Amino acid sequence: MEKDVTTTIVIFGASGDLTKRKLMPSLFNLYLKDRLPTTFRIVGFGGTAFTDDAFREQLLAGARQFANFKFTDEQWAGFAARLHYLAGKYAEAPDLQHLNELIAGWESDSANRLYYLAVPPKLFPVIISNLDATDQLGEDRGWRRVVLEKPFGTDLASAVELNQQVHKALHENQIFRIDHYLGKETIQNILFTRFANTIFEPIWNRTYIDHVQITVSEQVGLEHRAGFYDGVGVLRDMFQNHLMQLLMLVAMEPPASFEASHLRNEKVKVLSA
């Protein structure tokens, strides 16, 4: 992100478990490392009727419980001053227009926006459609990016249809389909263990490897996500994204470079094998 450009990060589904457990501790960590723009704000949007202060208190509790780093009250206060919350309905265009007006009040001539959809995939089309209808996706005054959480659809047909709906309002370079497992240090180290290690790379093949077993041992249960799992299920939540990504990283051939397009091409070859 450009350090000197006003940037707003909007999280849809901000009252949910993912925001408290993963997103906000990660954003706080980036803030402490001075990796966010100088002028940034984070807006949570959701159906729960929070005030700004109540939203901040919930996120502070999440940071204390889930952050893997230490921080002071003063550091949190500096970050919390950038946090805001707006209650609304995703399917109501006037609520999204209210969001647009709130953000516009902070922006100068040039400003960037990132929209993170931490919501079930069935809500992607209506949110993106309403963002488009309220003129929030045009890039005449700065870039616009939309992050889509997994699972992307419920099967092949719904994924193809969802992709078509998303592309009605967004260009491909504006879309980031996220799998947060790929951000874990252990997962990233698979590539370096394989391709930057002269010991393992020559023998990483069927001649020397008898079998591969991928085990994800989770310590967290359903907790408050029963509604999410009723609609999605563990196969869509874990297997078709997290575990498939692990499989591809283990089985793929060396990419031409570690650029996203080269990594993606080699992963696709594994799926096509």
C-alpha atoms as a PDB file:
ATOM      1  CA  MET A   1       0.000   0.000   0.000  1.00  0.00           C
ATOM      2  CA  GLU A   2       1.152   3.550  -0.718  1.00  0.00           C
ATOM      3  CA  LYS A   3       2.184   5.103   2.585  1.00  0.00           C
ATOM      4  CA  ASP A   4       1.075   8.640   1.738  1.00  0.00           C
ATOM      5  CA  VAL A   5      -2.363   7.888   0.252  1.00  0.00           C
ATOM      6  CA  THR A   6      -5.486   7.884   2.397  1.00  0.00           C
ATOM      7  CA  THR A   7      -6.709   4.288   2.597  1.00  0.00           C
ATOM      8  CA  THR A   8      -9.880   2.831   4.069  1.00  0.00           C
ATOM      9  CA  ILE A   9     -10.291  -0.863   4.844  1.00  0.00           C
ATOM     10  CA  VAL A  10     -13.919  -1.987   5.084  1.00  0.00           C
ATOM     11  CA  ILE A  11     -14.704  -5.356   6.656  1.00  0.00           C
ATOM     12  CA  PHE A  12     -18.136  -6.801   5.913  1.00  0.00           C
ATOM     13  CA  GLY A  13     -19.060  -9.318   8.588  1.00  0.00           C
ATOM     14  CA  ALA A  14     -17.045  -7.361  11.138  1.00  0.00           C
ATOM     15  CA  SER A  15     -18.967  -8.717  14.125  1.00  0.00           C
ATOM     16  CA  GLY A  16     -18.009 -12.294  13.221  1.00  0.00           C
ATOM     17  CA  ASP A  17     -15.420 -14.723  14.520  1.00  0.00           C
ATOM     18  CA  LEU A  18     -12.971 -14.286  11.633  1.00  0.00           C
ATOM     19  CA  THR A  19     -12.595 -10.547  12.243  1.00  0.00           C
ATOM     20  CA  LYS A  20     -11.978 -10.940  15.967  1.00  0.00           C
ATOM     21  CA  ARG A  21      -9.742 -13.998  15.717  1.00  0.00           C
ATOM     22  CA  LYS A  22      -7.717 -13.356  12.545  1.00  0.00           C
ATOM     23  CA  LEU A  23      -8.275 -10.129  10.651  1.00  0.00           C
ATOM     24  CA  MET A  24      -7.995  -7.497  13.348  1.00  0.00           C
ATOM     25  CA  PRO A  25      -4.980  -8.994  15.176  1.00  0.00           C
ATOM     26  CA  SER A  26      -3.224  -9.181  11.794  1.00  0.00           C
ATOM     27  CA  LEU A  27      -4.080  -5.580  10.921  1.00  0.00           C
ATOM     28  CA  PHE A  28      -2.968  -4.462  14.383  1.00  0.00           C
ATOM     29  CA  ASN A  29       0.330  -6.270  13.863  1.00  0.00           C
ATOM     30  CA  LEU A  30       0.818  -4.476  10.526  1.00  0.00           C
ATOM     31  CA  TYR A  31       0.091  -1.182  12.273  1.00  0.00           C
ATOM     32  CA  LEU A  32       2.725  -1.870  14.940  1.00  0.00           C
ATOM     33  CA  LYS A  33       5.246  -2.688  12.204  1.00  0.00           C
ATOM     34  CA  ASP A  34       4.397   0.562  10.363  1.00  0.00           C
ATOM     35  CA  ARG A  35       3.242  -1.319   7.267  1.00  0.00           C
ATOM     36  CA  LEU A  36      -0.092   0.438   6.876  1.00  0.00           C
ATOM     37  CA  PRO A  37      -0.569   3.821   5.186  1.00  0.00           C
ATOM     38  CA  THR A  38       0.040   6.869   7.335  1.00  0.00           C
ATOM     39  CA  THR A  39      -3.596   7.921   6.970  1.00  0.00           C
ATOM     40  CA  PHE A  40      -5.754   4.819   7.238  1.00  0.00           C
ATOM     41  CA  ARG A  41      -9.058   3.884   8.803  1.00  0.00           C
ATOM     42  CA  ILE A  42     -10.806   0.570   9.298  1.00  0.00           C
ATOM     43  CA  VAL A  43     -14.591   0.405   9.129  1.00  0.00           C
ATOM     44  CA  GLY A  44     -16.493  -2.613  10.332  1.00  0.00           C
ATOM     45  CA  PHE A  45     -19.891  -3.197   8.710  1.00  0.00           C
ATOM     46  CA  GLY A  46     -22.357  -5.755  10.024  1.00  0.00           C
ATOM     47  CA  GLY A  47     -25.818  -6.500  11.298  1.00  0.00           C
ATOM     48  CA  THR A  48     -24.994  -6.220  15.001  1.00  0.00           C
ATOM     49  CA  ALA A  49     -25.842  -2.838  16.534  1.00  0.00           C
ATOM     50  CA  PHE A  50     -22.423  -1.848  17.899  1.00  0.00           C
ATOM     51  CA  THR A  51     -21.229   1.620  18.798  1.00  0.00           C
ATOM     52  CA  ASP A  52     -17.649   2.472  17.842  1.00  0.00           C
ATOM     53  CA  ASP A  53     -16.554   2.005  21.457  1.00  0.00           C
ATOM     54  CA  ALA A  54     -18.321  -1.354  21.828  1.00  0.00           C
ATOM     55  CA  PHE A  55     -16.740  -2.532  18.571  1.00  0.00           C
ATOM     56  CA  ARG A  56     -13.303  -1.489  19.787  1.00  0.00           C
ATOM     57  CA  GLU A  57     -13.802  -3.274  23.107  1.00  0.00           C
ATOM     58  CA  GLN A  58     -14.728  -6.515  21.348  1.00  0.00           C
ATOM     59  CA  LEU A  59     -11.673  -6.288  19.114  1.00  0.00           C
ATOM     60  CA  LEU A  60      -9.403  -5.513  22.066  1.00  0.00           C
ATOM     61  CA  ALA A  61     -10.664  -8.664  23.791  1.00  0.00           C
ATOM     62  CA  GLY A  62      -9.930 -10.591  20.599  1.00  0.00           C
ATOM     63  CA  ALA A  63      -6.434  -9.122  20.319  1.00  0.00           C
ATOM     64  CA  ARG A  64      -5.635 -10.038  23.916  1.00  0.00           C
ATOM     65  CA  GLN A  65      -6.823 -13.590  23.335  1.00  0.00           C
ATOM     66  CA  PHE A  66      -5.572 -14.333  19.829  1.00  0.00           C
ATOM     67  CA  ALA A  67      -2.662 -12.015  18.984  1.00  0.00           C
ATOM     68  CA  ASN A  68       0.695 -13.820  18.988  1.00  0.00           C
ATOM     69  CA  PHE A  69       2.587 -10.667  19.956  1.00  0.00           C
ATOM     70  CA  LYS A  70       2.715  -8.361  22.963  1.00  0.00           C
ATOM     71  CA  PHE A  71       1.400  -4.814  22.941  1.00  0.00           C
ATOM     72  CA  THR A  72       0.807  -1.937  25.327  1.00  0.00           C
ATOM     73  CA  ASP A  73      -2.370  -0.039  26.144  1.00  0.00           C
ATOM     74  CA  GLU A  74      -0.899   3.018  24.415  1.00  0.00           C
ATOM     75  CA  GLN A  75      -0.251   1.059  21.221  1.00  0.00           C
ATOM     76  CA  TRP A  76      -3.797  -0.265  21.181  1.00  0.00           C
ATOM     77  CA  ALA A  77      -5.216   3.211  21.819  1.00  0.00           C
ATOM     78  CA  GLY A  78      -3.400   4.554  18.761  1.00  0.00           C
ATOM     79  CA  PHE A  79      -4.784   1.739  16.622  1.00  0.00           C
ATOM     80  CA  ALA A  80      -8.288   1.826  18.115  1.00  0.00           C
ATOM     81  CA  ALA A  81      -8.656   5.496  17.201  1.00  0.00           C
ATOM     82  CA  ARG A  82      -8.673   4.358  13.545  1.00  0.00           C
ATOM     83  CA  LEU A  83     -11.493   1.824  14.096  1.00  0.00           C
ATOM     84  CA  HIS A  84     -15.120   2.593  13.314  1.00  0.00           C
ATOM     85  CA  TYR A  85     -18.329   0.599  13.000  1.00  0.00           C
ATOM     86  CA  LEU A  86     -21.470   0.994  10.937  1.00  0.00           C
ATOM     87  CA  ALA A  87     -24.506  -1.228  11.422  1.00  0.00           C
ATOM     88  CA  GLY A  88     -26.523  -2.044   8.344  1.00  0.00           C
ATOM     89  CA  LYS A  89     -27.992  -4.653   6.024  1.00  0.00           C
ATOM     90  CA  TYR A  90     -25.933  -5.968   3.127  1.00  0.00           C
ATOM     91  CA  ALA A  91     -28.940  -6.151   0.801  1.00  0.00           C
ATOM     92  CA  GLU A  92     -30.019  -2.552   1.425  1.00  0.00           C
ATOM     93  CA  ALA A  93     -28.402  -0.122  -1.029  1.00  0.00           C
ATOM     94  CA  PRO A  94     -29.166   2.916   1.208  1.00  0.00           C
ATOM     95  CA  ASP A  95     -27.083   1.329   3.982  1.00  0.00           C
ATOM     96  CA  LEU A  96     -24.173   0.921   1.562  1.00  0.00           C
ATOM     97  CA  GLN A  97     -24.672   4.526   0.438  1.00  0.00           C
ATOM     98  CA  HIS A  98     -24.392   5.588   4.087  1.00  0.00           C
ATOM     99  CA  LEU A  99     -21.104   3.687   4.220  1.00  0.00           C
ATOM    100  CA  ASN A 100     -19.901   5.495   1.106  1.00  0.00           C
ATOM    101  CA  GLU A 101     -20.766   8.888   2.568  1.00  0.00           C
ATOM    102  CA  LEU A 102     -18.999   8.051   5.829  1.00  0.00           C
ATOM    103  CA  ILE A 103     -15.789   7.108   4.031  1.00  0.00           C
ATOM    104  CA  ALA A 104     -15.960  10.019   1.589  1.00  0.00           C
ATOM    105  CA  GLY A 105     -15.940  12.403   4.531  1.00  0.00           C
ATOM    106  CA  TRP A 106     -12.401  11.273   5.383  1.00  0.00           C
ATOM    107  CA  GLU A 107     -10.988  11.185   1.879  1.00  0.00           C
ATOM    108  CA  SER A 108      -8.975  13.747  -0.039  1.00  0.00           C
ATOM    109  CA  ASP A 109      -8.671  13.982  -3.841  1.00  0.00           C
ATOM    110  CA  SER A 110      -6.881  10.629  -4.084  1.00  0.00           C
ATOM    111  CA  ALA A 111      -7.857   7.731  -1.846  1.00  0.00           C
ATOM    112  CA  ASN A 112      -7.788   3.937  -1.909  1.00  0.00           C
ATOM    113  CA  ARG A 113     -10.335   1.472  -0.577  1.00  0.00           C
ATOM    114  CA  LEU A 114     -10.148  -2.228   0.249  1.00  0.00           C
ATOM    115  CA  TYR A 115     -13.355  -4.168   0.898  1.00  0.00           C
ATOM    116  CA  TYR A 116     -12.954  -7.462   2.778  1.00  0.00           C
ATOM    117  CA  LEU A 117     -15.982  -9.746   2.519  1.00  0.00           C
ATOM    118  CA  ALA A 118     -15.773 -11.930   5.622  1.00  0.00           C
ATOM    119  CA  VAL A 119     -19.267 -13.264   4.949  1.00  0.00           C
ATOM    120  CA  PRO A 120     -20.781 -16.444   3.437  1.00  0.00           C
ATOM    121  CA  PRO A 121     -20.388 -16.668  -0.371  1.00  0.00           C
ATOM    122  CA  LYS A 122     -24.130 -16.319  -0.955  1.00  0.00           C
ATOM    123  CA  LEU A 123     -23.773 -12.689   0.160  1.00  0.00           C
ATOM    124  CA  PHE A 124     -20.947 -11.812  -2.252  1.00  0.00           C
ATOM    125  CA  PRO A 125     -23.167 -10.884  -5.234  1.00  0.00           C
ATOM    126  CA  VAL A 126     -25.553  -8.624  -3.317  1.00  0.00           C
ATOM    127  CA  ILE A 127     -22.750  -6.779  -1.509  1.00  0.00           C
ATOM    128  CA  ILE A 128     -20.709  -6.256  -4.677  1.00  0.00           C
ATOM    129  CA  SER A 129     -23.823  -5.240  -6.615  1.00  0.00           C
ATOM    130  CA  ASN A 130     -24.705  -2.638  -3.981  1.00  0.00           C
ATOM    131  CA  LEU A 131     -21.119  -1.370  -3.845  1.00  0.00           C
ATOM    132  CA  ASP A 132     -21.296  -0.920  -7.599  1.00  0.00           C
ATOM    133  CA  ALA A 133     -24.737   0.705  -7.449  1.00  0.00           C
ATOM    134  CA  THR A 134     -23.456   3.245  -4.925  1.00  0.00           C
ATOM    135  CA  ASP A 135     -20.385   4.088  -7.058  1.00  0.00           C
ATOM    136  CA  GLN A 136     -17.819   2.605  -4.692  1.00  0.00           C
ATOM    137  CA  LEU A 137     -15.860   0.456  -7.155  1.00  0.00           C
ATOM    138  CA  GLY A 138     -14.724   3.011  -9.737  1.00  0.00           C
ATOM    139  CA  GLU A 139     -10.986   3.703  -9.786  1.00  0.00           C
ATOM    140  CA  ASP A 140     -10.905   7.276 -11.046  1.00  0.00           C
ATOM    141  CA  ARG A 141      -9.652   8.597  -7.665  1.00  0.00           C
ATOM    142  CA  GLY A 142      -7.662   5.620  -6.399  1.00  0.00           C
ATOM    143  CA  TRP A 143      -7.591   1.842  -6.492  1.00  0.00           C
ATOM    144  CA  ARG A 144     -10.428  -0.379  -5.305  1.00  0.00           C
ATOM    145  CA  ARG A 145      -9.825  -3.951  -4.179  1.00  0.00           C
ATOM    146  CA  VAL A 146     -12.257  -6.636  -3.009  1.00  0.00           C
ATOM    147  CA  VAL A 147     -11.120  -9.613  -0.928  1.00  0.00           C
ATOM    148  CA  LEU A 148     -13.376 -12.679  -1.053  1.00  0.00           C
ATOM    149  CA  GLU A 149     -13.155 -15.238   1.721  1.00  0.00           C
ATOM    150  CA  LYS A 150     -13.456 -18.937   1.091  1.00  0.00           C
ATOM    151  CA  PRO A 151     -15.406 -20.995   0.246  1.00  0.00           C
ATOM    152  CA  PHE A 152     -15.948 -19.475  -3.200  1.00  0.00           C
ATOM    153  CA  GLY A 153     -19.268 -21.087  -4.033  1.00  0.00           C
ATOM    154  CA  THR A 154     -20.582 -24.448  -2.901  1.00  0.00           C
ATOM    155  CA  ASP A 155     -19.750 -26.506  -6.016  1.00  0.00           C
ATOM    156  CA  LEU A 156     -18.347 -26.007  -9.528  1.00  0.00           C
ATOM    157  CA  ALA A 157     -21.572 -24.648 -10.993  1.00  0.00           C
ATOM    158  CA  SER A 158     -22.112 -22.138  -8.198  1.00  0.00           C
ATOM    159  CA  ALA A 159     -18.441 -21.087  -8.302  1.00  0.00           C
ATOM    160  CA  VAL A 160     -18.654 -20.405 -12.056  1.00  0.00           C
ATOM    161  CA  GLU A 161     -21.902 -18.481 -11.603  1.00  0.00           C
ATOM    162  CA  LEU A 162     -20.455 -16.511  -8.684  1.00  0.00           C
ATOM    163  CA  ASN A 163     -17.388 -15.637 -10.732  1.00  0.00           C
ATOM    164  CA  GLN A 164     -19.601 -14.321 -13.531  1.00  0.00           C
ATOM    165  CA  GLN A 165     -21.611 -12.208 -11.106  1.00  0.00           C
ATOM    166  CA  VAL A 166     -18.488 -10.743  -9.501  1.00  0.00           C
ATOM    167  CA  HIS A 167     -17.028  -9.841 -12.898  1.00  0.00           C
ATOM    168  CA  LYS A 168     -20.100  -7.766 -13.749  1.00  0.00           C
ATOM    169  CA  ALA A 169     -18.797  -5.102 -11.360  1.00  0.00           C
ATOM    170  CA  LEU A 170     -15.080  -5.830 -10.978  1.00  0.00           C
ATOM    171  CA  HIS A 171     -12.031  -6.376 -13.147  1.00  0.00           C
ATOM    172  CA  GLU A 172      -9.963  -9.451 -12.358  1.00  0.00           C
ATOM    173  CA  ASN A 173      -7.062  -7.374 -11.021  1.00  0.00           C
ATOM    174  CA  GLN A 174      -9.421  -5.901  -8.412  1.00  0.00           C
ATOM    175  CA  ILE A 175     -10.354  -9.311  -6.992  1.00  0.00           C
ATOM    176  CA  PHE A 176      -8.433 -11.272  -4.364  1.00  0.00           C
ATOM    177  CA  ARG A 177      -9.790 -14.725  -3.544  1.00  0.00           C
ATOM    178  CA  ILE A 178      -8.158 -15.404  -0.215  1.00  0.00           C
ATOM    179  CA  ASP A 179      -7.036 -18.578   1.514  1.00  0.00           C
ATOM    180  CA  HIS A 180      -5.598 -17.398   4.816  1.00  0.00           C
ATOM    181  CA  TYR A 181      -3.782 -20.714   5.359  1.00  0.00           C
ATOM    182  CA  LEU A 182      -1.295 -19.587   2.713  1.00  0.00           C
ATOM    183  CA  GLY A 183      -0.235 -16.761   5.012  1.00  0.00           C
ATOM    184  CA  LYS A 184       0.921 -19.123   7.744  1.00  0.00           C
ATOM    185  CA  GLU A 185       4.685 -19.257   8.138  1.00  0.00           C
ATOM    186  CA  THR A 186       4.761 -23.060   8.184  1.00  0.00           C
ATOM    187  CA  ILE A 187       2.861 -23.215   4.890  1.00  0.00           C
ATOM    188  CA  GLN A 188       5.091 -20.646   3.221  1.00  0.00           C
ATOM    189  CA  ASN A 189       8.147 -22.562   4.364  1.00  0.00           C
ATOM    190  CA  ILE A 190       7.077 -25.593   2.308  1.00  0.00           C
ATOM    191  CA  LEU A 191       8.169 -23.777  -0.850  1.00  0.00           C
ATOM    192  CA  PHE A 192      11.545 -22.828   0.575  1.00  0.00           C
ATOM    193  CA  THR A 193      12.118 -26.279   2.074  1.00  0.00           C
ATOM    194  CA  ARG A 194      11.472 -27.812  -1.322  1.00  0.00           C
ATOM    195  CA  PHE A 195      12.960 -25.435  -3.865  1.00  0.00           C
ATOM    196  CA  ALA A 196      15.706 -23.584  -1.992  1.00  0.00           C
ATOM    197  CA  ASN A 197      17.177 -26.700  -0.411  1.00  0.00           C
ATOM    198  CA  THR A 198      19.676 -28.714  -2.443  1.00  0.00           C
ATOM    199  CA  ILE A 199      19.221 -31.673  -0.108  1.00  0.00           C
ATOM    200  CA  PHE A 200      15.493 -32.187  -0.590  1.00  0.00           C
ATOM    201  CA  GLU A 201      14.715 -30.993  -4.113  1.00  0.00           C
ATOM    202  CA  PRO A 202      16.640 -33.739  -6.001  1.00  0.00           C
ATOM    203  CA  ILE A 203      14.913 -36.509  -4.028  1.00  0.00           C
ATOM    204  CA  TRP A 204      11.420 -34.979  -3.806  1.00  0.00           C
ATOM    205  CA  ASN A 205       9.819 -37.491  -6.166  1.00  0.00           C
ATOM    206  CA  ARG A 206       8.066 -40.853  -6.268  1.00  0.00           C
ATOM    207  CA  THR A 207      11.333 -42.764  -6.341  1.00  0.00           C
ATOM    208  CA  TYR A 208      12.294 -41.685  -2.839  1.00  0.00           C
ATOM    209  CA  ILE A 209       8.956 -40.749  -1.233  1.00  0.00           C
ATOM    210  CA  ASP A 210       6.752 -43.687  -0.272  1.00  0.00           C
ATOM    211  CA  HIS A 211       3.607 -41.704   0.517  1.00  0.00           C
ATOM    212  CA  VAL A 212       2.407 -38.311   1.708  1.00  0.00           C
ATOM    213  CA  GLN A 213       0.042 -37.802   4.638  1.00  0.00           C
ATOM    214  CA  ILE A 214      -1.411 -34.349   5.282  1.00  0.00           C
ATOM    215  CA  THR A 215      -2.910 -33.882   8.741  1.00  0.00           C
ATOM    216  CA  VAL A 216      -4.531 -30.719  10.028  1.00  0.00           C
ATOM    217  CA  SER A 217      -4.943 -31.044  13.780  1.00  0.00           C
ATOM    218  CA  GLU A 218      -7.296 -28.264  14.853  1.00  0.00           C
ATOM    219  CA  GLN A 219      -7.619 -27.188  18.478  1.00  0.00           C
ATOM    220  CA  VAL A 220     -10.636 -24.964  17.851  1.00  0.00           C
ATOM    221  CA  GLY A 221     -14.123 -26.437  17.658  1.00  0.00           C
ATOM    222  CA  LEU A 222     -17.321 -24.951  16.275  1.00  0.00           C
ATOM    223  CA  GLU A 223     -17.577 -22.371  19.062  1.00  0.00           C
ATOM    224  CA  HIS A 224     -19.902 -19.651  17.693  1.00  0.00           C
ATOM    225  CA  ARG A 225     -19.791 -20.839  14.072  1.00  0.00           C
ATOM    226  CA  ALA A 226     -22.570 -23.429  14.089  1.00  0.00           C
ATOM    227  CA  GLY A 227     -24.694 -21.370  11.708  1.00  0.00           C
ATOM    228  CA  PHE A 228     -21.793 -21.057   9.287  1.00  0.00           C
ATOM    229  CA  TYR A 229     -21.043 -24.791   9.393  1.00  0.00           C
ATOM    230  CA  ASP A 230     -24.685 -25.731   8.894  1.00  0.00           C
ATOM    231  CA  GLY A 231     -24.599 -23.956   5.545  1.00  0.00           C
ATOM    232  CA  VAL A 232     -21.031 -24.703   4.486  1.00  0.00           C
ATOM    233  CA  GLY A 233     -19.829 -27.897   6.159  1.00  0.00           C
ATOM    234  CA  VAL A 234     -16.337 -29.051   7.016  1.00  0.00           C
ATOM    235  CA  LEU A 235     -15.525 -30.360   3.514  1.00  0.00           C
ATOM    236  CA  ARG A 236     -16.039 -26.950   1.929  1.00  0.00           C
ATOM    237  CA  ASP A 237     -14.511 -25.119   4.867  1.00  0.00           C
ATOM    238  CA  MET A 238     -11.293 -27.148   5.112  1.00  0.00           C
ATOM    239  CA  PHE A 239     -10.760 -29.752   2.393  1.00  0.00           C
ATOM    240  CA  GLN A 240     -11.435 -28.017  -0.933  1.00  0.00           C
ATOM    241  CA  ASN A 241      -9.294 -25.011  -0.019  1.00  0.00           C
ATOM    242  CA  HIS A 242      -6.822 -25.383   2.865  1.00  0.00           C
ATOM    243  CA  LEU A 243      -5.966 -29.048   2.367  1.00  0.00           C
ATOM    244  CA  MET A 244      -5.979 -28.820  -1.426  1.00  0.00           C
ATOM    245  CA  GLN A 245      -3.557 -25.904  -1.221  1.00  0.00           C
ATOM    246  CA  LEU A 246      -1.266 -28.003   0.977  1.00  0.00           C
ATOM    247  CA  LEU A 247      -1.505 -30.883  -1.476  1.00  0.00           C
ATOM    248  CA  MET A 248      -0.577 -28.636  -4.387  1.00  0.00           C
ATOM    249  CA  LEU A 249       2.391 -27.116  -2.555  1.00  0.00           C
ATOM    250  CA  VAL A 250       3.710 -30.579  -1.754  1.00  0.00           C
ATOM    251  CA  ALA A 251       3.186 -32.029  -5.250  1.00  0.00           C
ATOM    252  CA  MET A 252       3.814 -29.120  -7.645  1.00  0.00           C
ATOM    253  CA  GLU A 253       6.841 -28.791  -9.901  1.00  0.00           C
ATOM    254  CA  PRO A 254       9.278 -25.883  -9.412  1.00  0.00           C
ATOM    255  CA  PRO A 255       7.696 -22.636 -10.682  1.00  0.00           C
ATOM    256  CA  ALA A 256       9.565 -20.335 -13.055  1.00  0.00           C
ATOM    257  CA  SER A 257       9.516 -17.764 -10.246  1.00  0.00           C
ATOM    258  CA  PHE A 258       7.625 -17.125  -7.037  1.00  0.00           C
ATOM    259  CA  GLU A 259       5.323 -14.661  -8.801  1.00  0.00           C
ATOM    260  CA  ALA A 260       1.633 -15.368  -8.202  1.00  0.00           C
ATOM    261  CA  SER A 261       0.913 -16.312 -11.819  1.00  0.00           C
ATOM    262  CA  HIS A 262       3.766 -18.846 -11.982  1.00  0.00           C
ATOM    263  CA  LEU A 263       2.782 -20.439  -8.673  1.00  0.00           C
ATOM    264  CA  ARG A 264      -0.839 -20.637  -9.802  1.00  0.00           C
ATOM    265  CA  ASN A 265       0.086 -22.284 -13.104  1.00  0.00           C
ATOM    266  CA  GLU A 266       2.046 -25.047 -11.389  1.00  0.00           C
ATOM    267  CA  LYS A 267      -0.752 -25.639  -8.894  1.00  0.00           C
ATOM    268  CA  VAL A 268      -3.267 -25.985 -11.725  1.00  0.00           C
ATOM    269  CA  LYS A 269      -1.051 -28.645 -13.313  1.00  0.00           C
ATOM    270  CA  VAL A 270      -1.329 -30.700 -10.112  1.00  0.00           C
ATOM    271  CA  LEU A 271      -5.117 -30.459 -10.158  1.00  0.00           C
ATOM    272  CA  SER A 272      -5.159 -31.430 -13.838  1.00  0.00           C
ATOM    273  CA  ALA A 273      -2.896 -34.456 -13.388  1.00  0.00           C
END
